[in-house]
Protein backbone atom coordinates (compact mmCIF):
# COMPACT_ATOMS: atom_id res chain seq x y z
CA UNK A 1 21.87 -48.35 -4.63
CA UNK A 2 22.75 -46.09 -1.60
CA UNK A 3 21.34 -45.76 1.77
CA UNK A 4 19.22 -43.52 2.64
CA UNK A 5 18.81 -40.81 5.59
CA UNK A 6 15.16 -40.23 6.67
CA UNK A 7 16.19 -37.02 8.22
CA UNK A 8 13.30 -35.57 6.04
CA UNK A 9 9.98 -37.07 8.23
CA UNK A 10 9.70 -35.58 11.43
CA UNK A 11 7.86 -31.62 10.02
CA UNK A 12 5.89 -29.92 12.71
CA UNK A 13 2.43 -29.05 12.25
CA UNK A 14 0.93 -27.11 15.14
CA UNK A 15 -2.50 -29.08 15.03
CA UNK A 16 -0.72 -32.12 14.72
CA UNK A 17 2.98 -32.05 15.90
CA UNK A 18 5.13 -34.37 14.22
CA UNK A 19 3.32 -35.65 11.09
CA UNK A 20 5.09 -36.16 7.43
CA UNK A 21 3.66 -34.00 4.63
CA UNK A 22 0.48 -34.03 3.76
CA UNK A 23 -1.45 -33.67 6.89
CA UNK A 24 -4.71 -34.99 7.36
CA UNK A 25 -7.85 -35.34 9.52
CA UNK A 26 -9.00 -38.68 11.18
CA UNK A 27 -12.68 -39.57 12.34
CA UNK A 28 -13.91 -41.08 15.19
CA UNK A 29 -14.28 -44.70 14.89
CA UNK A 30 -17.93 -45.65 16.01
CA UNK A 31 -17.96 -49.30 17.41
CA UNK A 32 -19.41 -50.90 20.55
CA UNK A 33 -16.51 -53.73 20.37
CA UNK A 34 -14.50 -53.95 24.05
CA UNK A 35 -11.12 -55.16 22.14
CA UNK A 36 -10.79 -51.03 21.17
CA UNK A 37 -7.55 -49.23 23.50
CA UNK A 38 -8.93 -45.94 24.02
CA UNK A 39 -7.80 -43.70 25.89
CA UNK A 40 -9.58 -41.32 28.66
CA UNK A 41 -11.97 -39.62 26.46
CA UNK A 42 -12.39 -42.71 25.44
CA UNK A 43 -11.55 -42.46 21.60
CA UNK A 44 -9.20 -45.93 20.05
CA UNK A 45 -5.35 -44.89 18.62
CA UNK A 46 -5.32 -44.28 15.31
CA UNK A 47 -1.99 -44.30 14.20
CA UNK A 48 -0.96 -43.18 10.52
CA UNK A 49 1.72 -42.40 8.10
CA UNK A 50 2.43 -41.27 4.94
CA UNK A 51 4.91 -42.62 2.79
CA UNK A 52 6.75 -40.10 -0.22
CA UNK A 53 10.23 -41.26 -1.41
CA UNK A 54 10.48 -36.75 -0.82
CA UNK A 55 11.52 -38.40 2.91
CA UNK A 56 14.32 -39.41 1.81
CA UNK A 57 17.86 -37.82 2.72
CA UNK A 58 18.44 -37.41 -0.42
CA UNK A 59 14.73 -37.48 -1.79
CA UNK A 60 14.25 -39.63 -4.76
CA UNK A 61 11.77 -38.67 -6.83
CA UNK A 62 9.09 -41.12 -7.26
CA UNK A 63 4.88 -40.59 -8.50
CA UNK A 64 4.54 -44.34 -5.89
CA UNK A 65 2.93 -42.54 -2.53
CA UNK A 66 1.78 -44.95 0.26
CA UNK A 67 -0.04 -45.23 3.47
CA UNK A 68 -0.46 -47.27 7.05
CA UNK A 69 -3.90 -47.02 9.52
CA UNK A 70 -3.26 -49.03 12.75
CA UNK A 71 -5.08 -48.91 15.10
CA UNK A 72 -4.24 -50.32 18.54
CA UNK A 73 -6.25 -52.80 20.44
CA UNK A 74 -5.34 -53.71 23.99
CA UNK A 75 -4.19 -57.36 22.42
CA UNK A 76 -2.01 -55.83 19.83
CA UNK A 77 -2.52 -53.58 15.84
CA UNK A 78 -4.80 -53.63 13.29
CA UNK A 79 -3.69 -52.33 9.72
CA UNK A 80 -4.18 -51.61 6.18
CA UNK A 81 -1.32 -50.68 4.08
CA UNK A 82 -1.95 -49.61 0.30
CA UNK A 83 0.96 -47.95 -2.92
CA UNK A 84 0.00 -45.03 -4.95
CA UNK A 85 1.87 -45.65 -8.48
CA UNK A 86 3.75 -48.54 -7.08
CA UNK A 87 5.58 -50.63 -9.43
CA UNK A 88 8.10 -53.78 -8.53
CA UNK A 89 7.16 -53.93 -5.28
CA UNK A 90 8.88 -56.07 -3.02
CA UNK A 91 8.29 -56.01 0.74
CA UNK A 92 6.88 -53.19 3.11
CA UNK A 93 7.97 -52.22 6.71
CA UNK A 94 7.72 -50.76 10.05
CA UNK A 95 11.38 -50.45 11.60
CA UNK A 96 12.86 -48.50 14.74
CA UNK A 97 15.07 -45.15 13.74
CA UNK A 98 17.95 -44.60 14.68
CA UNK A 99 19.39 -41.48 16.72
CA UNK A 100 21.25 -40.36 14.10
CA UNK A 101 18.00 -39.88 11.88
CA UNK A 102 19.45 -43.52 10.09
CA UNK A 103 17.10 -46.38 9.27
CA UNK A 104 17.38 -48.70 12.05
CA UNK A 105 16.39 -52.37 12.78
CA UNK A 106 13.59 -54.34 11.44
CA UNK A 107 10.09 -54.32 13.56
CA UNK A 108 6.98 -55.10 11.91
CA UNK A 109 6.87 -56.91 7.78
CA UNK A 110 3.93 -55.69 6.49
CA UNK A 111 4.43 -56.82 3.13
CA UNK A 112 6.69 -59.39 1.13
CA UNK A 113 6.15 -60.79 -2.04
CA UNK A 114 7.87 -63.75 -3.99
CA UNK A 115 7.08 -62.93 -7.68
CA UNK A 116 7.33 -59.10 -8.09
CA UNK A 117 5.47 -57.85 -11.70
CA UNK A 118 8.36 -55.05 -12.80
CA UNK A 119 6.11 -53.65 -15.16
CA UNK A 120 2.18 -53.68 -13.58
CA UNK A 121 1.97 -50.20 -11.11
CA UNK A 122 -0.42 -51.26 -8.40
CA UNK A 123 -2.39 -48.76 -6.45
CA UNK A 124 -4.81 -49.93 -3.87
CA UNK A 125 -4.70 -52.65 -1.02
CA UNK A 126 -0.77 -54.49 -0.35
CA UNK A 127 -1.78 -56.11 2.96
CA UNK A 128 -4.54 -56.25 5.50
CA UNK A 129 -5.22 -57.63 9.27
CA UNK A 130 -4.31 -57.84 12.93
CA UNK A 131 -0.77 -58.24 14.13
CA UNK A 132 -1.08 -59.47 17.98
CA UNK A 133 1.64 -57.99 20.76
CA UNK A 134 4.73 -60.13 22.28
CA UNK A 135 3.52 -62.43 18.83
CA UNK A 136 6.88 -63.71 16.21
CA UNK A 137 5.28 -60.76 13.52
CA UNK A 138 5.14 -58.03 16.54
CA UNK A 139 7.94 -58.80 19.35
CA UNK A 140 6.92 -55.95 21.21
CA UNK A 141 4.25 -55.55 23.90
CA UNK A 142 1.52 -52.48 23.88
CA UNK A 143 3.62 -49.95 25.50
CA UNK A 144 6.81 -50.74 24.14
CA UNK A 145 5.21 -49.40 20.82
CA UNK A 146 3.69 -46.59 22.19
CA UNK A 147 6.42 -45.38 23.38
CA UNK A 148 8.62 -45.57 20.53
CA UNK A 149 5.10 -44.14 18.28
CA UNK A 150 5.51 -42.19 21.45
CA UNK A 151 9.05 -40.59 20.65
CA UNK A 152 8.93 -40.42 16.62
CA UNK A 153 11.43 -43.48 16.84
CA UNK A 154 9.46 -45.69 14.07
CA UNK A 155 8.25 -45.23 10.31
CA UNK A 156 6.91 -47.80 6.86
CA UNK A 157 8.43 -47.98 4.10
CA UNK A 158 8.09 -49.36 0.47
CA UNK A 159 11.52 -50.67 -0.99
CA UNK A 160 11.61 -51.77 -4.64
CA UNK A 161 13.31 -53.18 -7.57
CA UNK A 162 14.71 -49.88 -8.06
CA UNK A 163 15.20 -49.53 -4.38
CA UNK A 164 16.00 -52.47 -1.92
CA UNK A 165 15.99 -49.62 1.31
CA UNK A 166 13.06 -48.25 0.39
CA UNK A 167 11.33 -45.92 -2.25
CA UNK A 168 9.05 -44.64 0.09
CA UNK A 169 8.98 -43.59 3.55
CA UNK A 170 7.82 -41.72 6.84
CA UNK A 171 6.56 -42.03 10.36
CA UNK A 172 3.91 -43.21 12.23
CA UNK A 173 1.90 -40.43 13.40
CA UNK A 174 -0.22 -40.71 16.26
CA UNK A 175 -3.29 -38.60 15.90
CA UNK A 176 -5.14 -37.50 19.06
């Protein structure tokens, strides 16, 4: 099991800027809750990440895919992590991308299991929750997190028993 590069993560699309693979449209979240951070046009800050094996260099051929959806609030991140056809899933994380497109340090642990099911395919929600900024689980400020997003320096990955360095990965992208 070798370490993979994330050189294939940054794909350009005129409508969305740099995005991983499939382009998806998002809808505005209708909510009167004051806790959502909003841009000047009153749109919540929404971050998406589509994860696939093809974003590694060399690409990993796998039926597994996944996605992370994040809503940035004033106090932290509300997240939903899903997988499709995942087998032997061990962990999922958000980590920095180094300047040489190599994986950097882990920033946020999204999922970790103690007991791994070797044979059963896992599709659906792996984890969801709310992480507070400047906490042990999310050791950065809101501004630091958004700066890393704007500079395309954060990616998500899911690791399995067969691919300890990650079987699928994707770039975290802000939707405007």
